[in-house]
Amino acid sequence: MPSNNPYASENPEEQEVDALIKRARLAQLGFAKGATQARYLEAATAVAWALMQPERNKELSEMAVATTGLGNVKDKIIKNHRKTLGLLRDLQEAKTCGVISNNPATGVTEIARPVGVVGAVVPSTNPVATPTNNIANALIGGNAIVLSPSPKGVAVCEKLLGYVHAELYKLGLDRDLVLMVPAPSSKIKTQRMMEQVDLLIVTGSQDNVRRAYSSGTPAIGVGAGNVSVIIDETADLATAADKITASKSFDNATSCSSENALIVVDSIHDQFMAELHRAGGRLLNKQQSQKLSTALFEEKGLNRHMIARDARTIAEVARLDVSDVENARFYLIPGLGIGKDYPESGEKLSLVTSVYRVPDFEAAKNKAAELFAHIGAGHSVGLHSGTQERAMEMGQDLPTCRVIVNQAHCFATGGSFDNGMPFSLSMGCGSWGGNSIDDNLNYKHFINISKVVRTIPANEPSVEDIFSDYWAKVGQ
């Protein structure tokens, strides 16, 4: 019998998703009824422990690398632990339930309300840390969540959800608060999920971000990464080299915050290259760079056998003869130009970084602007310098939401225990990156706020109060 619902689908895949979201809605209503902040925090804490329990973290990290072929187990264990611990630190004082502010001076009381059912599209680069972050942020706001993992991430997402459900069971909470689009994944199922939920969170491919924004559902997508980092003549070169190497090599450069280009001031270029070599960076000569570029930048895109693979594998695929390859952690190639004809100027998702040599800081800043104009606008830029004023210049002059100063970029951008950014795996890029947020995605993006508005003593200025200075300058 045909459904009376005008939005009902006759497509079996869409019907499967519709049924799933119906379950999530019922679970969310029960979760939010009579809720307290303590209940929401308990739920988020349960989700965090589902991953952070050491044996599970190790198992899920191993499974993520085995099924996606991206990154390395040791670093994923660290990432899963620190990102989730940092998030839970941020959530301890979060106000997401009931009255969250009351201002007698304005007469406005703010009440936090759940969004409803959140849909989250999960990338294959972080198939465990990102969904855990999204789930905890959704539950702290009283929501349910439906995940749509990438095809390579389906199996590990299912395993993660099994552990999440086990922890929620201990609290007597409905497992339907956290669901995933049924396997096998498909564009039809993901699209239907996008259209039926109340809020979309999309991390990963820009194609998915564009589909989310056109789905008709309020969406938070994040822009493309293509981080450039300036090293100027006042930098501590040894420290900068160590931090850049640690950041670039972490999890085989799966992070969107990984350094894709180094912009080095000429006067310290050779000395800095020596420091990078000591730390594990290998500057390739012209012939080696050509071989690597030919192998990595294929006509259809990046070589999947080199994306997020270790340095030895990259050398083998590109047939590079690199001295001391055992100690190589990443490779440096000259930046020959910027734009579509120069693929080394884009995001590489691999242990490969371009080097641009410039005369001075002003030229370095201009080079960063050129890179932003090509790809990565809004995301972030780095600076290693002993001149703090230059960071302010970059923040005022470049189209970026974050200037990361004297830090390992991929550790700092998404929140760190020694900086004030919210812990997140999704960085909003503002209007420059075509995004609706310019902040790190955090729990505040997962709630609605209702305002109760009361009268206060009138505060109406006279026309003269407002225009007197203007009239004095230009006349009436």
Foldseek 3Di string as FASTA:
>chain_A
DDDPDPPDDPDPLLNLLVVLLVLLQVQLVVLQVVDDLVSLLLLLVLLLCLCLVQVNVQVLLVLLCVLLVFFDRVLSSVCSNFLSVLQSVVSPPDDQAAWPDQDPQQQKTKGWAFLEEEEEEAESLNLQNAVSQVLSLNSSNSYAYEYEYDQSSVVSNVVSLVSSLVSCVVVVGDSSSYYYSDPPHDPVNSLSNLQPGQEYEYEDDVVVVVSSVPSPHHYFYAFAAAEEEEEFPAFPLLLLLLLLLCLQLRRQQSASQRHLEYEYAAVCVVVSVVSNVVNAEAEDDPVQLVLLCPQQQDPVGGDSQFANDFQVSSCVSSVHDGPPSVRHRAYEYEQPDDAPVGCSLGDRNGRYHYYHYDNHDVVSLVVVQRSLVHGHFQDEYEYGHPDVVVLVVSVVPGRYLYYHYSGNRSQPSQHDPPDDARHARGAHRPVSRPGPDSGGDGSVVRIDMDMDGDDDPDDDDDPCVPCVVVCVVPND
